Amino acid sequence: MGVDFTALMDHKCSLSELLALPEDIEQGWQTYQQQWAAAVPELLPESKNRWEWSRDVIYGSLEEQFRDGRYLTLDGPLAFSLIFGTRLFEVYHWTRWPGFLTEQDVRELLRRTCFYFGRTLGASKVIYLPDSEFGVSGAHDFLWDGKTMEDVETWLQTNCGPPAAHIPDIYTEHNGIYEADGYYVEPLPEQSR
């Protein structure tokens, strides 16, 4: 099993605003869907056609899941998922973490897509980090714990060191073995790049 791409961002959405999100995302999603379809056409045959909430079977409703479980998952086209805690959300995509770090075209498309999600939800910044395996991935726990973006940054600085100066700096390789235990913090631009 590989290490996948994720991005953490803040949000201030109420439950009712979150539940309206599939419709809000769909309004501007077409541009990004076309860019992804052109870049990775093999995603299309297995892709969902729209954004839909995925309810955990142990909860009777999405409202109960958010109240008691403190999370919601919005699954979308082209292998994207958005996982919401009460203050943070995660963009998950099956792109491998090393690919994000080393392939500029992939990295820029993921960044633009994250900017779209962040602007839609009023985020202030993005933290890019791997979904598992490396020490920095421990920051994902903050999503489930109702913590803030500042809490995440403080934990990362204290436990993992400063963020990388540039995204590609996270990746190193020695004797055919790669290391990619790092993260990058980026303010959310007002318009996509």
C-alpha atoms as a PDB file:
ATOM      1  CA  MET A   1       0.000   0.000   0.000  1.00  0.00           C
ATOM      2  CA  GLY A   2       1.372   3.401  -0.942  1.00  0.00           C
ATOM      3  CA  VAL A   3       1.377   6.783   0.680  1.00  0.00           C
ATOM      4  CA  ASP A   4      -1.225   9.133  -0.788  1.00  0.00           C
ATOM      5  CA  PHE A   5      -1.628  12.895  -1.095  1.00  0.00           C
ATOM      6  CA  THR A   6      -3.658  14.912   1.386  1.00  0.00           C
ATOM      7  CA  ALA A   7      -4.122  18.562   2.234  1.00  0.00           C
ATOM      8  CA  LEU A   8      -5.507  20.008   5.469  1.00  0.00           C
ATOM      9  CA  MET A   9      -7.430  23.276   5.551  1.00  0.00           C
ATOM     10  CA  ASP A  10      -9.628  25.175   7.974  1.00  0.00           C
ATOM     11  CA  HIS A  11     -13.338  25.867   7.614  1.00  0.00           C
ATOM     12  CA  LYS A  12     -15.983  27.688   9.614  1.00  0.00           C
ATOM     13  CA  CYS A  13     -19.029  25.984   8.096  1.00  0.00           C
ATOM     14  CA  SER A  14     -22.082  25.025  10.081  1.00  0.00           C
ATOM     15  CA  LEU A  15     -23.638  21.612   9.580  1.00  0.00           C
ATOM     16  CA  SER A  16     -26.340  23.075   7.327  1.00  0.00           C
ATOM     17  CA  GLU A  17     -23.690  24.794   5.207  1.00  0.00           C
ATOM     18  CA  LEU A  18     -21.735  21.548   4.938  1.00  0.00           C
ATOM     19  CA  LEU A  19     -24.829  19.613   3.890  1.00  0.00           C
ATOM     20  CA  ALA A  20     -25.394  22.123   1.056  1.00  0.00           C
ATOM     21  CA  LEU A  21     -21.803  21.730  -0.083  1.00  0.00           C
ATOM     22  CA  PRO A  22     -22.262  19.181  -2.895  1.00  0.00           C
ATOM     23  CA  GLU A  23     -24.342  21.714  -4.798  1.00  0.00           C
ATOM     24  CA  ASP A  24     -21.882  24.539  -4.046  1.00  0.00           C
ATOM     25  CA  ILE A  25     -18.894  22.485  -5.230  1.00  0.00           C
ATOM     26  CA  GLU A  26     -20.662  21.374  -8.410  1.00  0.00           C
ATOM     27  CA  GLN A  27     -21.093  24.997  -9.519  1.00  0.00           C
ATOM     28  CA  GLY A  28     -17.386  25.488 -10.236  1.00  0.00           C
ATOM     29  CA  TRP A  29     -16.197  21.883 -10.426  1.00  0.00           C
ATOM     30  CA  GLN A  30     -16.544  21.472 -14.211  1.00  0.00           C
ATOM     31  CA  THR A  31     -13.318  23.366 -14.933  1.00  0.00           C
ATOM     32  CA  TYR A  32     -11.319  21.150 -12.588  1.00  0.00           C
ATOM     33  CA  GLN A  33     -13.023  17.981 -13.760  1.00  0.00           C
ATOM     34  CA  GLN A  34     -12.037  18.805 -17.358  1.00  0.00           C
ATOM     35  CA  GLN A  35      -8.426  19.485 -16.340  1.00  0.00           C
ATOM     36  CA  TRP A  36      -8.226  16.182 -14.447  1.00  0.00           C
ATOM     37  CA  ALA A  37      -9.898  14.274 -17.277  1.00  0.00           C
ATOM     38  CA  ALA A  38      -7.319  15.622 -19.712  1.00  0.00           C
ATOM     39  CA  ALA A  39      -4.392  14.906 -17.378  1.00  0.00           C
ATOM     40  CA  VAL A  40      -5.494  11.472 -16.138  1.00  0.00           C
ATOM     41  CA  PRO A  41      -8.103  10.046 -18.552  1.00  0.00           C
ATOM     42  CA  GLU A  42      -7.947   6.590 -16.946  1.00  0.00           C
ATOM     43  CA  LEU A  43      -9.857   8.058 -13.965  1.00  0.00           C
ATOM     44  CA  LEU A  44     -12.979   8.719 -16.025  1.00  0.00           C
ATOM     45  CA  PRO A  45     -14.450   5.217 -16.476  1.00  0.00           C
ATOM     46  CA  GLU A  46     -14.456   4.508 -12.735  1.00  0.00           C
ATOM     47  CA  SER A  47     -15.298   8.022 -11.581  1.00  0.00           C
ATOM     48  CA  LYS A  48     -18.437   9.078  -9.767  1.00  0.00           C
ATOM     49  CA  ASN A  49     -20.485  11.615 -11.681  1.00  0.00           C
ATOM     50  CA  ARG A  50     -21.217  13.899  -8.761  1.00  0.00           C
ATOM     51  CA  TRP A  51     -20.397  14.815  -5.169  1.00  0.00           C
ATOM     52  CA  GLU A  52     -22.250  12.744  -2.561  1.00  0.00           C
ATOM     53  CA  TRP A  53     -22.155  12.391   1.195  1.00  0.00           C
ATOM     54  CA  SER A  54     -21.056   8.993   2.455  1.00  0.00           C
ATOM     55  CA  ARG A  55     -22.774   8.080   5.734  1.00  0.00           C
ATOM     56  CA  ASP A  56     -21.118   5.657   8.132  1.00  0.00           C
ATOM     57  CA  VAL A  57     -23.572   2.794   8.736  1.00  0.00           C
ATOM     58  CA  ILE A  58     -23.288   3.096  12.528  1.00  0.00           C
ATOM     59  CA  TYR A  59     -25.108   6.452  12.383  1.00  0.00           C
ATOM     60  CA  GLY A  60     -28.755   6.946  11.501  1.00  0.00           C
ATOM     61  CA  SER A  61     -28.186  10.247   9.707  1.00  0.00           C
ATOM     62  CA  LEU A  62     -25.478  12.630   8.563  1.00  0.00           C
ATOM     63  CA  GLU A  63     -26.545  15.013  11.330  1.00  0.00           C
ATOM     64  CA  GLU A  64     -26.017  12.287  13.949  1.00  0.00           C
ATOM     65  CA  GLN A  65     -22.667  11.360  12.412  1.00  0.00           C
ATOM     66  CA  PHE A  66     -21.438  14.953  12.576  1.00  0.00           C
ATOM     67  CA  ARG A  67     -22.788  15.507  16.104  1.00  0.00           C
ATOM     68  CA  ASP A  68     -21.561  12.242  17.645  1.00  0.00           C
ATOM     69  CA  GLY A  69     -18.735  11.156  15.344  1.00  0.00           C
ATOM     70  CA  ARG A  70     -17.596  14.723  14.575  1.00  0.00           C
ATOM     71  CA  TYR A  71     -16.882  14.019  10.926  1.00  0.00           C
ATOM     72  CA  LEU A  72     -18.475  13.789   7.488  1.00  0.00           C
ATOM     73  CA  THR A  73     -17.088  12.423   4.227  1.00  0.00           C
ATOM     74  CA  LEU A  74     -17.975  13.882   0.846  1.00  0.00           C
ATOM     75  CA  ASP A  75     -16.943  11.589  -2.015  1.00  0.00           C
ATOM     76  CA  GLY A  76     -16.580  13.072  -5.447  1.00  0.00           C
ATOM     77  CA  PRO A  77     -15.562  12.494  -9.013  1.00  0.00           C
ATOM     78  CA  LEU A  78     -12.042  11.568 -10.080  1.00  0.00           C
ATOM     79  CA  ALA A  79     -11.006   9.850  -6.827  1.00  0.00           C
ATOM     80  CA  PHE A  80     -11.424  12.924  -4.593  1.00  0.00           C
ATOM     81  CA  SER A  81     -12.829  12.849  -1.074  1.00  0.00           C
ATOM     82  CA  LEU A  82     -13.304  15.695   1.367  1.00  0.00           C
ATOM     83  CA  ILE A  83     -13.347  14.684   5.030  1.00  0.00           C
ATOM     84  CA  PHE A  84     -14.761  17.259   7.435  1.00  0.00           C
ATOM     85  CA  GLY A  85     -14.170  17.679  11.125  1.00  0.00           C
ATOM     86  CA  THR A  86     -15.757  20.498  13.084  1.00  0.00           C
ATOM     87  CA  ARG A  87     -12.981  22.990  12.212  1.00  0.00           C
ATOM     88  CA  LEU A  88     -10.722  21.333   9.653  1.00  0.00           C
ATOM     89  CA  PHE A  89     -11.181  19.451   6.442  1.00  0.00           C
ATOM     90  CA  GLU A  90      -8.934  17.167   4.467  1.00  0.00           C
ATOM     91  CA  VAL A  91      -8.672  16.854   0.720  1.00  0.00           C
ATOM     92  CA  TYR A  92      -7.764  13.274  -0.097  1.00  0.00           C
ATOM     93  CA  HIS A  93      -6.715  12.052  -3.530  1.00  0.00           C
ATOM     94  CA  TRP A  94      -5.145   8.735  -4.502  1.00  0.00           C
ATOM     95  CA  THR A  95      -2.204  10.502  -6.137  1.00  0.00           C
ATOM     96  CA  ARG A  96       0.885   9.124  -4.473  1.00  0.00           C
ATOM     97  CA  TRP A  97       2.697  11.525  -2.161  1.00  0.00           C
ATOM     98  CA  PRO A  98       6.043  11.129  -3.989  1.00  0.00           C
ATOM     99  CA  GLY A  99       4.297  11.966  -7.281  1.00  0.00           C
ATOM    100  CA  PHE A 100       2.951  15.198  -5.802  1.00  0.00           C
ATOM    101  CA  LEU A 101       6.436  16.096  -4.592  1.00  0.00           C
ATOM    102  CA  THR A 102       8.340  15.273  -7.789  1.00  0.00           C
ATOM    103  CA  GLU A 103       5.968  15.771 -10.741  1.00  0.00           C
ATOM    104  CA  GLN A 104       5.315  19.455 -11.347  1.00  0.00           C
ATOM    105  CA  ASP A 105       2.232  18.979 -13.582  1.00  0.00           C
ATOM    106  CA  VAL A 106       0.560  16.736 -11.010  1.00  0.00           C
ATOM    107  CA  ARG A 107       1.538  19.056  -8.166  1.00  0.00           C
ATOM    108  CA  GLU A 108       0.148  22.163  -9.867  1.00  0.00           C
ATOM    109  CA  LEU A 109      -3.140  20.479 -10.745  1.00  0.00           C
ATOM    110  CA  LEU A 110      -3.578  19.260  -7.159  1.00  0.00           C
ATOM    111  CA  ARG A 111      -2.696  22.686  -5.795  1.00  0.00           C
ATOM    112  CA  ARG A 112      -5.212  24.439  -8.066  1.00  0.00           C
ATOM    113  CA  THR A 113      -7.878  21.928  -7.087  1.00  0.00           C
ATOM    114  CA  CYS A 114      -7.128  22.442  -3.379  1.00  0.00           C
ATOM    115  CA  PHE A 115      -7.323  26.205  -3.877  1.00  0.00           C
ATOM    116  CA  TYR A 116     -10.789  25.744  -5.385  1.00  0.00           C
ATOM    117  CA  PHE A 117     -11.984  23.684  -2.412  1.00  0.00           C
ATOM    118  CA  GLY A 118     -10.355  26.094   0.036  1.00  0.00           C
ATOM    119  CA  ARG A 119     -11.925  29.185  -1.515  1.00  0.00           C
ATOM    120  CA  THR A 120     -15.320  27.461  -1.630  1.00  0.00           C
ATOM    121  CA  LEU A 121     -15.066  26.770   2.114  1.00  0.00           C
ATOM    122  CA  GLY A 122     -13.372  30.012   3.202  1.00  0.00           C
ATOM    123  CA  ALA A 123     -10.031  28.452   4.179  1.00  0.00           C
ATOM    124  CA  SER A 124      -7.047  30.655   4.973  1.00  0.00           C
ATOM    125  CA  LYS A 125      -4.201  28.267   4.125  1.00  0.00           C
ATOM    126  CA  VAL A 126      -3.314  24.767   2.986  1.00  0.00           C
ATOM    127  CA  ILE A 127      -0.983  22.255   4.620  1.00  0.00           C
ATOM    128  CA  TYR A 128       0.147  19.506   2.239  1.00  0.00           C
ATOM    129  CA  LEU A 129       1.203  16.253   3.900  1.00  0.00           C
ATOM    130  CA  PRO A 130       1.158  12.497   3.326  1.00  0.00           C
ATOM    131  CA  ASP A 131      -1.834  10.441   4.464  1.00  0.00           C
ATOM    132  CA  SER A 132       0.221   7.854   6.361  1.00  0.00           C
ATOM    133  CA  GLU A 133       3.602   6.248   7.072  1.00  0.00           C
ATOM    134  CA  PHE A 134       5.562   9.375   7.979  1.00  0.00           C
ATOM    135  CA  GLY A 135       5.659  11.274  11.272  1.00  0.00           C
ATOM    136  CA  VAL A 136       3.975  14.365   9.852  1.00  0.00           C
ATOM    137  CA  SER A 137       0.869  12.330   9.007  1.00  0.00           C
ATOM    138  CA  GLY A 138       0.040  12.400  12.744  1.00  0.00           C
ATOM    139  CA  ALA A 139      -1.366  15.883  12.081  1.00  0.00           C
ATOM    140  CA  HIS A 140      -4.460  14.223  10.572  1.00  0.00           C
ATOM    141  CA  ASP A 141      -5.639  13.335  14.081  1.00  0.00           C
ATOM    142  CA  PHE A 142      -6.382  17.008  14.678  1.00  0.00           C
ATOM    143  CA  LEU A 143      -9.260  16.845  12.192  1.00  0.00           C
ATOM    144  CA  TRP A 144     -11.055  14.273  14.373  1.00  0.00           C
ATOM    145  CA  ASP A 145     -10.281  16.121  17.608  1.00  0.00           C
ATOM    146  CA  GLY A 146     -11.932  19.457  16.749  1.00  0.00           C
ATOM    147  CA  LYS A 147      -8.605  21.284  16.707  1.00  0.00           C
ATOM    148  CA  THR A 148      -7.700  24.391  14.710  1.00  0.00           C
ATOM    149  CA  MET A 149      -5.212  25.046  11.940  1.00  0.00           C
ATOM    150  CA  GLU A 150      -3.012  26.830  14.482  1.00  0.00           C
ATOM    151  CA  ASP A 151      -3.026  23.667  16.629  1.00  0.00           C
ATOM    152  CA  VAL A 152      -1.903  21.639  13.611  1.00  0.00           C
ATOM    153  CA  GLU A 153       0.900  24.058  12.761  1.00  0.00           C
ATOM    154  CA  THR A 154       2.104  24.200  16.370  1.00  0.00           C
ATOM    155  CA  TRP A 155       2.167  20.400  16.620  1.00  0.00           C
ATOM    156  CA  LEU A 156       3.983  20.046  13.304  1.00  0.00           C
ATOM    157  CA  GLN A 157       6.599  22.664  14.241  1.00  0.00           C
ATOM    158  CA  THR A 158       7.148  21.122  17.691  1.00  0.00           C
ATOM    159  CA  ASN A 159       7.172  17.456  16.665  1.00  0.00           C
ATOM    160  CA  CYS A 160       8.360  17.489  13.052  1.00  0.00           C
ATOM    161  CA  GLY A 161      10.291  20.704  12.582  1.00  0.00           C
ATOM    162  CA  PRO A 162       9.644  23.634  10.276  1.00  0.00           C
ATOM    163  CA  PRO A 163       7.777  23.284   7.001  1.00  0.00           C
ATOM    164  CA  ALA A 164       9.729  22.788   3.797  1.00  0.00           C
ATOM    165  CA  ALA A 165      10.735  25.975   1.985  1.00  0.00           C
ATOM    166  CA  HIS A 166       9.534  24.459  -1.303  1.00  0.00           C
ATOM    167  CA  ILE A 167       7.365  21.406  -1.982  1.00  0.00           C
ATOM    168  CA  PRO A 168      10.024  19.460  -3.956  1.00  0.00           C
ATOM    169  CA  ASP A 169      12.468  19.901  -1.035  1.00  0.00           C
ATOM    170  CA  ILE A 170      10.466  17.313   0.944  1.00  0.00           C
ATOM    171  CA  TYR A 171      11.556  14.467  -1.343  1.00  0.00           C
ATOM    172  CA  THR A 172      15.044  12.986  -1.109  1.00  0.00           C
ATOM    173  CA  GLU A 173      16.419   9.709  -2.404  1.00  0.00           C
ATOM    174  CA  HIS A 174      19.521   7.781  -1.329  1.00  0.00           C
ATOM    175  CA  ASN A 175      20.560   4.438  -2.813  1.00  0.00           C
ATOM    176  CA  GLY A 176      17.123   3.918  -4.350  1.00  0.00           C
ATOM    177  CA  ILE A 177      15.233   4.545  -1.086  1.00  0.00           C
ATOM    178  CA  TYR A 178      13.147   7.672  -0.836  1.00  0.00           C
ATOM    179  CA  GLU A 179      12.359   9.833   2.163  1.00  0.00           C
ATOM    180  CA  ALA A 180       9.384  12.201   2.128  1.00  0.00           C
ATOM    181  CA  ASP A 181       8.570  12.953   5.759  1.00  0.00           C
ATOM    182  CA  GLY A 182       7.744  16.615   5.463  1.00  0.00           C
ATOM    183  CA  TYR A 183       5.001  19.130   4.934  1.00  0.00           C
ATOM    184  CA  TYR A 184       4.436  22.447   3.212  1.00  0.00           C
ATOM    185  CA  VAL A 185       2.237  25.351   4.342  1.00  0.00           C
ATOM    186  CA  GLU A 186       0.815  27.720   1.761  1.00  0.00           C
ATOM    187  CA  PRO A 187      -1.504  30.721   2.157  1.00  0.00           C
ATOM    188  CA  LEU A 188      -4.626  30.322   0.074  1.00  0.00           C
ATOM    189  CA  PRO A 189      -4.488  32.678  -2.905  1.00  0.00           C
ATOM    190  CA  GLU A 190      -7.592  34.618  -3.831  1.00  0.00           C
ATOM    191  CA  GLN A 191      -7.557  33.283  -7.384  1.00  0.00           C
ATOM    192  CA  SER A 192      -6.211  30.026  -8.765  1.00  0.00           C
ATOM    193  CA  ARG A 193      -2.792  29.988 -10.323  1.00  0.00           C
END
